[in-house]
Amino acid sequence: ETGSGRIRLRLGGAEEAVPYLEEAHRPRQEALPWTRWERHKTASILGEALIHVGECERAERLLEVSVPEIAAARGSGHYRTAQAWQRLVDLYEAWGKPNEAQVWRARLR
């Protein structure tokens, strides 16, 4: 579930968090309509965990889809949107792509 996965992720256990987040992600992808931001929030959090375990390509695939949907649903000033943008900054910094990180960092200002 998302809650258990997020707790593990916040405590620094990304490897432990990934299976919980994947378990939460699958049913939300199948059950929730595309327009439900909660569907994309779960994908974004899973993307964050994947960054921490070095699965940057997989994280990018999730974040490329989820981040714009979160921003569209919540608006550019919402804290969930800022969290999603920060995940992209973190991804590109971890992946050694500073130019891409800077694009998303600029949105945080």
PDB file of N, CA and C in Angstrom:
ATOM      1  N   GLU A   1       0.804  -1.177   0.000  1.00  0.00           N
ATOM      2  CA  GLU A   1       0.000   0.000   0.000  1.00  0.00           C
ATOM      3  C   GLU A   1       0.857   1.255   0.000  1.00  0.00           C
ATOM      4  N   THR A   2       0.234   2.318  -0.463  1.00  0.00           N
ATOM      5  CA  THR A   2       0.975   3.569  -0.589  1.00  0.00           C
ATOM      6  C   THR A   2       1.481   4.054   0.759  1.00  0.00           C
ATOM      7  N   GLY A   3       0.640   4.002   1.798  1.00  0.00           N
ATOM      8  CA  GLY A   3       1.039   4.492   3.128  1.00  0.00           C
ATOM      9  C   GLY A   3       2.253   3.770   3.666  1.00  0.00           C
ATOM     10  N   SER A   4       2.259   2.454   3.620  1.00  0.00           N
ATOM     11  CA  SER A   4       3.402   1.670   4.105  1.00  0.00           C
ATOM     12  C   SER A   4       4.652   1.958   3.286  1.00  0.00           C
ATOM     13  N   GLY A   5       4.475   2.073   1.983  1.00  0.00           N
ATOM     14  CA  GLY A   5       5.612   2.370   1.119  1.00  0.00           C
ATOM     15  C   GLY A   5       6.184   3.748   1.376  1.00  0.00           C
ATOM     16  N   ARG A   6       5.312   4.741   1.569  1.00  0.00           N
ATOM     17  CA  ARG A   6       5.789   6.101   1.833  1.00  0.00           C
ATOM     18  C   ARG A   6       6.518   6.175   3.153  1.00  0.00           C
ATOM     19  N   ILE A   7       6.021   5.482   4.161  1.00  0.00           N
ATOM     20  CA  ILE A   7       6.692   5.482   5.467  1.00  0.00           C
ATOM     21  C   ILE A   7       8.088   4.880   5.326  1.00  0.00           C
ATOM     22  N   ARG A   8       8.193   3.746   4.658  1.00  0.00           N
ATOM     23  CA  ARG A   8       9.499   3.116   4.464  1.00  0.00           C
ATOM     24  C   ARG A   8      10.436   4.014   3.666  1.00  0.00           C
ATOM     25  N   LEU A   9       9.901   4.670   2.660  1.00  0.00           N
ATOM     26  CA  LEU A   9      10.716   5.576   1.852  1.00  0.00           C
ATOM     27  C   LEU A   9      11.228   6.735   2.699  1.00  0.00           C
ATOM     28  N   ARG A  10      10.367   7.334   3.521  1.00  0.00           N
ATOM     29  CA  ARG A  10      10.769   8.468   4.370  1.00  0.00           C
ATOM     30  C   ARG A  10      11.800   8.064   5.410  1.00  0.00           C
ATOM     31  N   LEU A  11      11.772   6.809   5.819  1.00  0.00           N
ATOM     32  CA  LEU A  11      12.739   6.328   6.812  1.00  0.00           C
ATOM     33  C   LEU A  11      14.038   5.853   6.162  1.00  0.00           C
ATOM     34  N   GLY A  12      14.149   6.051   4.860  1.00  0.00           N
ATOM     35  CA  GLY A  12      15.387   5.715   4.173  1.00  0.00           C
ATOM     36  C   GLY A  12      15.464   4.304   3.631  1.00  0.00           C
ATOM     37  N   GLY A  13      14.357   3.607   3.613  1.00  0.00           N
ATOM     38  CA  GLY A  13      14.358   2.235   3.128  1.00  0.00           C
ATOM     39  C   GLY A  13      13.741   2.108   1.757  1.00  0.00           C
ATOM     40  N   ALA A  14      14.338   2.734   0.766  1.00  0.00           N
ATOM     41  CA  ALA A  14      13.775   2.727  -0.589  1.00  0.00           C
ATOM     42  C   ALA A  14      13.638   1.316  -1.138  1.00  0.00           C
ATOM     43  N   GLU A  15      14.624   0.472  -0.872  1.00  0.00           N
ATOM     44  CA  GLU A  15      14.538  -0.902  -1.377  1.00  0.00           C
ATOM     45  C   GLU A  15      13.344  -1.626  -0.778  1.00  0.00           C
ATOM     46  N   GLU A  16      13.049  -1.364   0.481  1.00  0.00           N
ATOM     47  CA  GLU A  16      11.877  -1.960   1.122  1.00  0.00           C
ATOM     48  C   GLU A  16      10.587  -1.307   0.620  1.00  0.00           C
ATOM     49  N   ALA A  17      10.648  -0.030   0.292  1.00  0.00           N
ATOM     50  CA  ALA A  17       9.456   0.707  -0.118  1.00  0.00           C
ATOM     51  C   ALA A  17       8.965   0.311  -1.499  1.00  0.00           C
ATOM     52  N   VAL A  18       9.871  -0.002  -2.409  1.00  0.00           N
ATOM     53  CA  VAL A  18       9.488  -0.261  -3.799  1.00  0.00           C
ATOM     54  C   VAL A  18       8.399  -1.325  -3.915  1.00  0.00           C
ATOM     55  N   PRO A  19       8.517  -2.504  -3.292  1.00  0.00           N
ATOM     56  CA  PRO A  19       7.449  -3.501  -3.448  1.00  0.00           C
ATOM     57  C   PRO A  19       6.086  -3.023  -2.946  1.00  0.00           C
ATOM     58  N   TYR A  20       6.064  -2.282  -1.838  1.00  0.00           N
ATOM     59  CA  TYR A  20       4.802  -1.761  -1.320  1.00  0.00           C
ATOM     60  C   TYR A  20       4.184  -0.757  -2.297  1.00  0.00           C
ATOM     61  N   LEU A  21       5.026   0.102  -2.837  1.00  0.00           N
ATOM     62  CA  LEU A  21       4.532   1.107  -3.768  1.00  0.00           C
ATOM     63  C   LEU A  21       4.091   0.483  -5.088  1.00  0.00           C
ATOM     64  N   GLU A  22       4.807  -0.538  -5.546  1.00  0.00           N
ATOM     65  CA  GLU A  22       4.377  -1.242  -6.755  1.00  0.00           C
ATOM     66  C   GLU A  22       3.029  -1.920  -6.527  1.00  0.00           C
ATOM     67  N   GLU A  23       2.850  -2.481  -5.343  1.00  0.00           N
ATOM     68  CA  GLU A  23       1.590  -3.138  -4.997  1.00  0.00           C
ATOM     69  C   GLU A  23       0.438  -2.130  -4.982  1.00  0.00           C
ATOM     70  N   ALA A  24       0.694  -0.925  -4.523  1.00  0.00           N
ATOM     71  CA  ALA A  24      -0.334   0.123  -4.508  1.00  0.00           C
ATOM     72  C   ALA A  24      -0.566   0.687  -5.901  1.00  0.00           C
ATOM     73  N   HIS A  25       0.485   0.742  -6.693  1.00  0.00           N
ATOM     74  CA  HIS A  25       0.424   1.348  -8.028  1.00  0.00           C
ATOM     75  C   HIS A  25      -0.432   0.530  -8.989  1.00  0.00           C
ATOM     76  N   ARG A  26      -0.235  -0.774  -9.010  1.00  0.00           N
ATOM     77  CA  ARG A  26      -0.947  -1.628  -9.973  1.00  0.00           C
ATOM     78  C   ARG A  26      -2.466  -1.465  -9.920  1.00  0.00           C
ATOM     79  N   PRO A  27      -3.096  -1.660  -8.772  1.00  0.00           N
ATOM     80  CA  PRO A  27      -4.559  -1.544  -8.766  1.00  0.00           C
ATOM     81  C   PRO A  27      -5.059  -0.134  -9.072  1.00  0.00           C
ATOM     82  N   ARG A  28      -4.313   0.867  -8.669  1.00  0.00           N
ATOM     83  CA  ARG A  28      -4.741   2.243  -8.982  1.00  0.00           C
ATOM     84  C   ARG A  28      -4.684   2.492 -10.478  1.00  0.00           C
ATOM     85  N   GLN A  29      -3.706   1.927 -11.153  1.00  0.00           N
ATOM     86  CA  GLN A  29      -3.614   2.095 -12.599  1.00  0.00           C
ATOM     87  C   GLN A  29      -4.786   1.412 -13.298  1.00  0.00           C
ATOM     88  N   GLU A  30      -5.235   0.318 -12.733  1.00  0.00           N
ATOM     89  CA  GLU A  30      -6.331  -0.434 -13.343  1.00  0.00           C
ATOM     90  C   GLU A  30      -7.701   0.121 -12.953  1.00  0.00           C
ATOM     91  N   ALA A  31      -7.840   0.604 -11.726  1.00  0.00           N
ATOM     92  CA  ALA A  31      -9.164   0.955 -11.208  1.00  0.00           C
ATOM     93  C   ALA A  31      -9.526   2.430 -11.358  1.00  0.00           C
ATOM     94  N   LEU A  32      -8.558   3.309 -11.215  1.00  0.00           N
ATOM     95  CA  LEU A  32      -8.879   4.738 -11.225  1.00  0.00           C
ATOM     96  C   LEU A  32      -8.878   5.291 -12.644  1.00  0.00           C
ATOM     97  N   PRO A  33      -9.796   6.194 -12.935  1.00  0.00           N
ATOM     98  CA  PRO A  33      -9.794   6.829 -14.255  1.00  0.00           C
ATOM     99  C   PRO A  33      -8.509   7.623 -14.470  1.00  0.00           C
ATOM    100  N   TRP A  34      -8.128   7.781 -15.702  1.00  0.00           N
ATOM    101  CA  TRP A  34      -6.900   8.487 -16.066  1.00  0.00           C
ATOM    102  C   TRP A  34      -6.863   9.882 -15.461  1.00  0.00           C
ATOM    103  N   THR A  35      -7.998  10.501 -15.306  1.00  0.00           N
ATOM    104  CA  THR A  35      -8.053  11.886 -14.834  1.00  0.00           C
ATOM    105  C   THR A  35      -7.955  12.024 -13.321  1.00  0.00           C
ATOM    106  N   ARG A  36      -7.948  10.946 -12.594  1.00  0.00           N
ATOM    107  CA  ARG A  36      -7.838  11.020 -11.131  1.00  0.00           C
ATOM    108  C   ARG A  36      -6.388  11.255 -10.735  1.00  0.00           C
ATOM    109  N   TRP A  37      -6.136  12.351 -10.071  1.00  0.00           N
ATOM    110  CA  TRP A  37      -4.758  12.709  -9.737  1.00  0.00           C
ATOM    111  C   TRP A  37      -4.127  11.710  -8.779  1.00  0.00           C
ATOM    112  N   GLU A  38      -4.946  11.009  -7.971  1.00  0.00           N
ATOM    113  CA  GLU A  38      -4.401  10.033  -7.025  1.00  0.00           C
ATOM    114  C   GLU A  38      -3.652   8.919  -7.753  1.00  0.00           C
ATOM    115  N   ARG A  39      -4.121   8.583  -8.928  1.00  0.00           N
ATOM    116  CA  ARG A  39      -3.457   7.577  -9.758  1.00  0.00           C
ATOM    117  C   ARG A  39      -2.024   8.024 -10.068  1.00  0.00           C
ATOM    118  N   HIS A  40      -1.875   9.268 -10.389  1.00  0.00           N
ATOM    119  CA  HIS A  40      -0.570   9.812 -10.759  1.00  0.00           C
ATOM    120  C   HIS A  40       0.303  10.082  -9.536  1.00  0.00           C
ATOM    121  N   LYS A  41      -0.328  10.403  -8.415  1.00  0.00           N
ATOM    122  CA  LYS A  41       0.432  10.611  -7.175  1.00  0.00           C
ATOM    123  C   LYS A  41       1.160   9.331  -6.783  1.00  0.00           C
ATOM    124  N   THR A  42       0.473   8.207  -6.865  1.00  0.00           N
ATOM    125  CA  THR A  42       1.096   6.928  -6.524  1.00  0.00           C
ATOM    126  C   THR A  42       2.256   6.623  -7.469  1.00  0.00           C
ATOM    127  N   ALA A  43       2.077   6.891  -8.750  1.00  0.00           N
ATOM    128  CA  ALA A  43       3.148   6.668  -9.724  1.00  0.00           C
ATOM    129  C   ALA A  43       4.344   7.569  -9.431  1.00  0.00           C
ATOM    130  N   SER A  44       4.074   8.801  -9.022  1.00  0.00           N
ATOM    131  CA  SER A  44       5.142   9.740  -8.713  1.00  0.00           C
ATOM    132  C   SER A  44       5.947   9.305  -7.491  1.00  0.00           C
ATOM    133  N   ILE A  45       5.248   8.822  -6.473  1.00  0.00           N
ATOM    134  CA  ILE A  45       5.940   8.350  -5.269  1.00  0.00           C
ATOM    135  C   ILE A  45       6.765   7.103  -5.584  1.00  0.00           C
ATOM    136  N   LEU A  46       6.213   6.202  -6.401  1.00  0.00           N
ATOM    137  CA  LEU A  46       6.983   5.039  -6.834  1.00  0.00           C
ATOM    138  C   LEU A  46       8.215   5.496  -7.612  1.00  0.00           C
ATOM    139  N   GLY A  47       8.060   6.492  -8.457  1.00  0.00           N
ATOM    140  CA  GLY A  47       9.205   7.044  -9.180  1.00  0.00           C
ATOM    141  C   GLY A  47      10.282   7.549  -8.243  1.00  0.00           C
ATOM    142  N   GLU A  48       9.875   8.210  -7.167  1.00  0.00           N
ATOM    143  CA  GLU A  48      10.835   8.694  -6.168  1.00  0.00           C
ATOM    144  C   GLU A  48      11.631   7.537  -5.572  1.00  0.00           C
ATOM    145  N   ALA A  49      10.936   6.464  -5.206  1.00  0.00           N
ATOM    146  CA  ALA A  49      11.620   5.302  -4.625  1.00  0.00           C
ATOM    147  C   ALA A  49      12.586   4.689  -5.623  1.00  0.00           C
ATOM    148  N   LEU A  50      12.180   4.634  -6.884  1.00  0.00           N
ATOM    149  CA  LEU A  50      13.040   4.051  -7.915  1.00  0.00           C
ATOM    150  C   LEU A  50      14.320   4.871  -8.111  1.00  0.00           C
ATOM    151  N   ILE A  51      14.224   6.173  -7.948  1.00  0.00           N
ATOM    152  CA  ILE A  51      15.424   7.024  -8.020  1.00  0.00           C
ATOM    153  C   ILE A  51      16.427   6.571  -6.964  1.00  0.00           C
ATOM    154  N   HIS A  52      15.931   6.343  -5.768  1.00  0.00           N
ATOM    155  CA  HIS A  52      16.804   5.979  -4.647  1.00  0.00           C
ATOM    156  C   HIS A  52      17.460   4.613  -4.801  1.00  0.00           C
ATOM    157  N   VAL A  53      16.857   3.742  -5.607  1.00  0.00           N
ATOM    158  CA  VAL A  53      17.460   2.424  -5.823  1.00  0.00           C
ATOM    159  C   VAL A  53      18.196   2.361  -7.163  1.00  0.00           C
ATOM    160  N   GLY A  54      18.339   3.510  -7.818  1.00  0.00           N
ATOM    161  CA  GLY A  54      19.133   3.588  -9.034  1.00  0.00           C
ATOM    162  C   GLY A  54      18.428   3.175 -10.314  1.00  0.00           C
ATOM    163  N   GLU A  55      17.112   3.068 -10.282  1.00  0.00           N
ATOM    164  CA  GLU A  55      16.353   2.717 -11.484  1.00  0.00           C
ATOM    165  C   GLU A  55      15.827   3.985 -12.146  1.00  0.00           C
ATOM    166  N   CYS A  56      16.772   4.804 -12.627  1.00  0.00           N
ATOM    167  CA  CYS A  56      16.424   6.125 -13.146  1.00  0.00           C
ATOM    168  C   CYS A  56      15.577   6.066 -14.412  1.00  0.00           C
ATOM    169  N   GLU A  57      15.848   5.142 -15.308  1.00  0.00           N
ATOM    170  CA  GLU A  57      15.056   5.066 -16.542  1.00  0.00           C
ATOM    171  C   GLU A  57      13.597   4.743 -16.232  1.00  0.00           C
ATOM    172  N   ARG A  58      13.390   3.789 -15.364  1.00  0.00           N
ATOM    173  CA  ARG A  58      12.030   3.420 -14.987  1.00  0.00           C
ATOM    174  C   ARG A  58      11.344   4.577 -14.248  1.00  0.00           C
ATOM    175  N   ALA A  59      12.080   5.244 -13.372  1.00  0.00           N
ATOM    176  CA  ALA A  59      11.533   6.398 -12.656  1.00  0.00           C
ATOM    177  C   ALA A  59      11.134   7.494 -13.637  1.00  0.00           C
ATOM    178  N   GLU A  60      11.980   7.731 -14.615  1.00  0.00           N
ATOM    179  CA  GLU A  60      11.677   8.776 -15.595  1.00  0.00           C
ATOM    180  C   GLU A  60      10.395   8.462 -16.360  1.00  0.00           C
ATOM    181  N   ARG A  61      10.213   7.202 -16.756  1.00  0.00           N
ATOM    182  CA  ARG A  61       8.987   6.834 -17.476  1.00  0.00           C
ATOM    183  C   ARG A  61       7.745   7.134 -16.641  1.00  0.00           C
ATOM    184  N   LEU A  62       7.798   6.839 -15.355  1.00  0.00           N
ATOM    185  CA  LEU A  62       6.659   7.118 -14.473  1.00  0.00           C
ATOM    186  C   LEU A  62       6.461   8.619 -14.275  1.00  0.00           C
ATOM    187  N   LEU A  63       7.559   9.318 -14.016  1.00  0.00           N
ATOM    188  CA  LEU A  63       7.461  10.744 -13.708  1.00  0.00           C
ATOM    189  C   LEU A  63       7.087  11.579 -14.929  1.00  0.00           C
ATOM    190  N   GLU A  64       7.522  11.191 -16.110  1.00  0.00           N
ATOM    191  CA  GLU A  64       7.172  11.934 -17.329  1.00  0.00           C
ATOM    192  C   GLU A  64       5.665  11.992 -17.532  1.00  0.00           C
ATOM    193  N   VAL A  65       4.973  10.946 -17.108  1.00  0.00           N
ATOM    194  CA  VAL A  65       3.526  10.890 -17.256  1.00  0.00           C
ATOM    195  C   VAL A  65       2.829  11.500 -16.043  1.00  0.00           C
ATOM    196  N   SER A  66       3.280  11.141 -14.853  1.00  0.00           N
ATOM    197  CA  SER A  66       2.557  11.537 -13.645  1.00  0.00           C
ATOM    198  C   SER A  66       2.703  13.014 -13.295  1.00  0.00           C
ATOM    199  N   VAL A  67       3.878  13.571 -13.470  1.00  0.00           N
ATOM    200  CA  VAL A  67       4.103  14.959 -13.036  1.00  0.00           C
ATOM    201  C   VAL A  67       3.207  15.958 -13.779  1.00  0.00           C
ATOM    202  N   PRO A  68       3.117  15.907 -15.103  1.00  0.00           N
ATOM    203  CA  PRO A  68       2.208  16.855 -15.771  1.00  0.00           C
ATOM    204  C   PRO A  68       0.742  16.672 -15.367  1.00  0.00           C
ATOM    205  N   GLU A  69       0.341  15.441 -15.106  1.00  0.00           N
ATOM    206  CA  GLU A  69      -1.039  15.191 -14.702  1.00  0.00           C
ATOM    207  C   GLU A  69      -1.312  15.750 -13.296  1.00  0.00           C
ATOM    208  N   ILE A  70      -0.344  15.611 -12.411  1.00  0.00           N
ATOM    209  CA  ILE A  70      -0.498  16.184 -11.066  1.00  0.00           C
ATOM    210  C   ILE A  70      -0.574  17.704 -11.163  1.00  0.00           C
ATOM    211  N   ALA A  71       0.295  18.290 -11.955  1.00  0.00           N
ATOM    212  CA  ALA A  71       0.300  19.753 -12.116  1.00  0.00           C
ATOM    213  C   ALA A  71      -1.019  20.240 -12.712  1.00  0.00           C
ATOM    214  N   ALA A  72      -1.540  19.511 -13.683  1.00  0.00           N
ATOM    215  CA  ALA A  72      -2.801  19.909 -14.310  1.00  0.00           C
ATOM    216  C   ALA A  72      -3.964  19.805 -13.324  1.00  0.00           C
ATOM    217  N   ALA A  73      -3.948  18.767 -12.514  1.00  0.00           N
ATOM    218  CA  ALA A  73      -5.056  18.544 -11.578  1.00  0.00           C
ATOM    219  C   ALA A  73      -4.989  19.454 -10.365  1.00  0.00           C
ATOM    220  N   ARG A  74      -3.804  19.706  -9.849  1.00  0.00           N
ATOM    221  CA  ARG A  74      -3.653  20.436  -8.590  1.00  0.00           C
ATOM    222  C   ARG A  74      -3.262  21.896  -8.780  1.00  0.00           C
ATOM    223  N   GLY A  75      -2.696  22.241  -9.930  1.00  0.00           N
ATOM    224  CA  GLY A  75      -2.274  23.613 -10.180  1.00  0.00           C
ATOM    225  C   GLY A  75      -0.812  23.827  -9.816  1.00  0.00           C
ATOM    226  N   SER A  76      -0.217  24.830 -10.427  1.00  0.00           N
ATOM    227  CA  SER A  76       1.218  25.057 -10.254  1.00  0.00           C
ATOM    228  C   SER A  76       1.592  25.519  -8.859  1.00  0.00           C
ATOM    229  N   GLY A  77       0.664  26.070  -8.100  1.00  0.00           N
ATOM    230  CA  GLY A  77       0.970  26.552  -6.759  1.00  0.00           C
ATOM    231  C   GLY A  77       0.735  25.539  -5.648  1.00  0.00           C
ATOM    232  N   HIS A  78       0.257  24.372  -5.982  1.00  0.00           N
ATOM    233  CA  HIS A  78      -0.079  23.363  -4.971  1.00  0.00           C
ATOM    234  C   HIS A  78       1.177  22.621  -4.511  1.00  0.00           C
ATOM    235  N   TYR A  79       1.217  22.259  -3.233  1.00  0.00           N
ATOM    236  CA  TYR A  79       2.395  21.588  -2.693  1.00  0.00           C
ATOM    237  C   TYR A  79       2.625  20.220  -3.336  1.00  0.00           C
ATOM    238  N   ARG A  80       1.569  19.530  -3.761  1.00  0.00           N
ATOM    239  CA  ARG A  80       1.746  18.235  -4.442  1.00  0.00           C
ATOM    240  C   ARG A  80       2.458  18.427  -5.775  1.00  0.00           C
ATOM    241  N   THR A  81       2.166  19.506  -6.452  1.00  0.00           N
ATOM    242  CA  THR A  81       2.848  19.802  -7.715  1.00  0.00           C
ATOM    243  C   THR A  81       4.316  20.086  -7.453  1.00  0.00           C
ATOM    244  N   ALA A  82       4.601  20.875  -6.420  1.00  0.00           N
ATOM    245  CA  ALA A  82       6.000  21.157  -6.073  1.00  0.00           C
ATOM    246  C   ALA A  82       6.742  19.873  -5.719  1.00  0.00           C
ATOM    247  N   GLN A  83       6.098  18.972  -4.995  1.00  0.00           N
ATOM    248  CA  GLN A  83       6.726  17.684  -4.667  1.00  0.00           C
ATOM    249  C   GLN A  83       7.041  16.903  -5.939  1.00  0.00           C
ATOM    250  N   ALA A  84       6.113  16.897  -6.875  1.00  0.00           N
ATOM    251  CA  ALA A  84       6.308  16.160  -8.126  1.00  0.00           C
ATOM    252  C   ALA A  84       7.458  16.762  -8.925  1.00  0.00           C
ATOM    253  N   TRP A  85       7.503  18.098  -9.015  1.00  0.00           N
ATOM    254  CA  TRP A  85       8.608  18.750  -9.717  1.00  0.00           C
ATOM    255  C   TRP A  85       9.936  18.446  -9.039  1.00  0.00           C
ATOM    256  N   GLN A  86       9.937  18.447  -7.703  1.00  0.00           N
ATOM    257  CA  GLN A  86      11.168  18.137  -6.964  1.00  0.00           C
ATOM    258  C   GLN A  86      11.648  16.723  -7.286  1.00  0.00           C
ATOM    259  N   ARG A  87      10.721  15.802  -7.476  1.00  0.00           N
ATOM    260  CA  ARG A  87      11.117  14.431  -7.837  1.00  0.00           C
ATOM    261  C   ARG A  87      11.861  14.418  -9.169  1.00  0.00           C
ATOM    262  N   LEU A  88      11.435  15.256 -10.103  1.00  0.00           N
ATOM    263  CA  LEU A  88      12.158  15.329 -11.378  1.00  0.00           C
ATOM    264  C   LEU A  88      13.540  15.948 -11.185  1.00  0.00           C
ATOM    265  N   VAL A  89      13.647  16.965 -10.349  1.00  0.00           N
ATOM    266  CA  VAL A  89      14.960  17.540 -10.029  1.00  0.00           C
ATOM    267  C   VAL A  89      15.855  16.450  -9.444  1.00  0.00           C
ATOM    268  N   ASP A  90      15.326  15.714  -8.469  1.00  0.00           N
ATOM    269  CA  ASP A  90      16.095  14.658  -7.816  1.00  0.00           C
ATOM    270  C   ASP A  90      16.511  13.576  -8.811  1.00  0.00           C
ATOM    271  N   LEU A  91      15.597  13.213  -9.696  1.00  0.00           N
ATOM    272  CA  LEU A  91      15.904  12.201 -10.713  1.00  0.00           C
ATOM    273  C   LEU A  91      17.093  12.630 -11.550  1.00  0.00           C
ATOM    274  N   TYR A  92      17.004  13.817 -12.119  1.00  0.00           N
ATOM    275  CA  TYR A  92      18.051  14.243 -13.048  1.00  0.00           C
ATOM    276  C   TYR A  92      19.370  14.545 -12.348  1.00  0.00           C
ATOM    277  N   GLU A  93      19.311  14.970 -11.103  1.00  0.00           N
ATOM    278  CA  GLU A  93      20.556  15.130 -10.349  1.00  0.00           C
ATOM    279  C   GLU A  93      21.198  13.776 -10.081  1.00  0.00           C
ATOM    280  N   ALA A  94      20.399  12.806  -9.663  1.00  0.00           N
ATOM    281  CA  ALA A  94      20.924  11.461  -9.386  1.00  0.00           C
ATOM    282  C   ALA A  94      21.451  10.803 -10.652  1.00  0.00           C
ATOM    283  N   TRP A  95      20.857  11.132 -11.764  1.00  0.00           N
ATOM    284  CA  TRP A  95      21.192  10.521 -13.048  1.00  0.00           C
ATOM    285  C   TRP A  95      22.339  11.246 -13.747  1.00  0.00           C
ATOM    286  N   GLY A  96      22.794  12.342 -13.159  1.00  0.00           N
ATOM    287  CA  GLY A  96      23.899  13.090 -13.753  1.00  0.00           C
ATOM    288  C   GLY A  96      23.484  13.898 -14.964  1.00  0.00           C
ATOM    289  N   LYS A  97      22.277  14.439 -14.937  1.00  0.00           N
ATOM    290  CA  LYS A  97      21.762  15.267 -16.035  1.00  0.00           C
ATOM    291  C   LYS A  97      21.391  16.644 -15.474  1.00  0.00           C
ATOM    292  N   PRO A  98      22.414  17.478 -15.210  1.00  0.00           N
ATOM    293  CA  PRO A  98      22.160  18.758 -14.544  1.00  0.00           C
ATOM    294  C   PRO A  98      21.300  19.729 -15.345  1.00  0.00           C
ATOM    295  N   ASN A  99      21.395  19.706 -16.664  1.00  0.00           N
ATOM    296  CA  ASN A  99      20.583  20.632 -17.458  1.00  0.00           C
ATOM    297  C   ASN A  99      19.099  20.337 -17.302  1.00  0.00           C
ATOM    298  N   GLU A 100      18.738  19.048 -17.327  1.00  0.00           N
ATOM    299  CA  GLU A 100      17.344  18.665 -17.137  1.00  0.00           C
ATOM    300  C   GLU A 100      16.885  19.006 -15.717  1.00  0.00           C
ATOM    301  N   ALA A 101      17.769  18.786 -14.743  1.00  0.00           N
ATOM    302  CA  ALA A 101      17.432  19.126 -13.356  1.00  0.00           C
ATOM    303  C   ALA A 101      17.145  20.620 -13.223  1.00  0.00           C
ATOM    304  N   GLN A 102      17.928  21.435 -13.891  1.00  0.00           N
ATOM    305  CA  GLN A 102      17.757  22.883 -13.801  1.00  0.00           C
ATOM    306  C   GLN A 102      16.413  23.340 -14.361  1.00  0.00           C
ATOM    307  N   VAL A 103      15.943  22.696 -15.415  1.00  0.00           N
ATOM    308  CA  VAL A 103      14.645  23.035 -15.997  1.00  0.00           C
ATOM    309  C   VAL A 103      13.548  22.902 -14.941  1.00  0.00           C
ATOM    310  N   TRP A 104      13.575  21.803 -14.200  1.00  0.00           N
ATOM    311  CA  TRP A 104      12.538  21.567 -13.193  1.00  0.00           C
ATOM    312  C   TRP A 104      12.789  22.377 -11.921  1.00  0.00           C
ATOM    313  N   ARG A 105      14.045  22.619 -11.592  1.00  0.00           N
ATOM    314  CA  ARG A 105      14.362  23.443 -10.422  1.00  0.00           C
ATOM    315  C   ARG A 105      13.816  24.848 -10.625  1.00  0.00           C
ATOM    316  N   ALA A 106      13.866  25.351 -11.846  1.00  0.00           N
ATOM    317  CA  ALA A 106      13.365  26.693 -12.144  1.00  0.00           C
ATOM    318  C   ALA A 106      11.870  26.803 -11.857  1.00  0.00           C
ATOM    319  N   ARG A 107      11.126  25.727 -12.032  1.00  0.00           N
ATOM    320  CA  ARG A 107       9.686  25.756 -11.755  1.00  0.00           C
ATOM    321  C   ARG A 107       9.397  25.845 -10.259  1.00  0.00           C
ATOM    322  N   LEU A 108      10.340  25.401  -9.448  1.00  0.00           N
ATOM    323  CA  LEU A 108      10.148  25.423  -7.996  1.00  0.00           C
ATOM    324  C   LEU A 108      10.261  26.834  -7.415  1.00  0.00           C
ATOM    325  N   ARG A 109      10.866  27.728  -8.135  1.00  0.00           N
ATOM    326  CA  ARG A 109      11.092  29.083  -7.614  1.00  0.00           C
ATOM    327  C   ARG A 109       9.847  29.925  -7.674  1.00  0.00           C
TER     328      ARG A 109
END
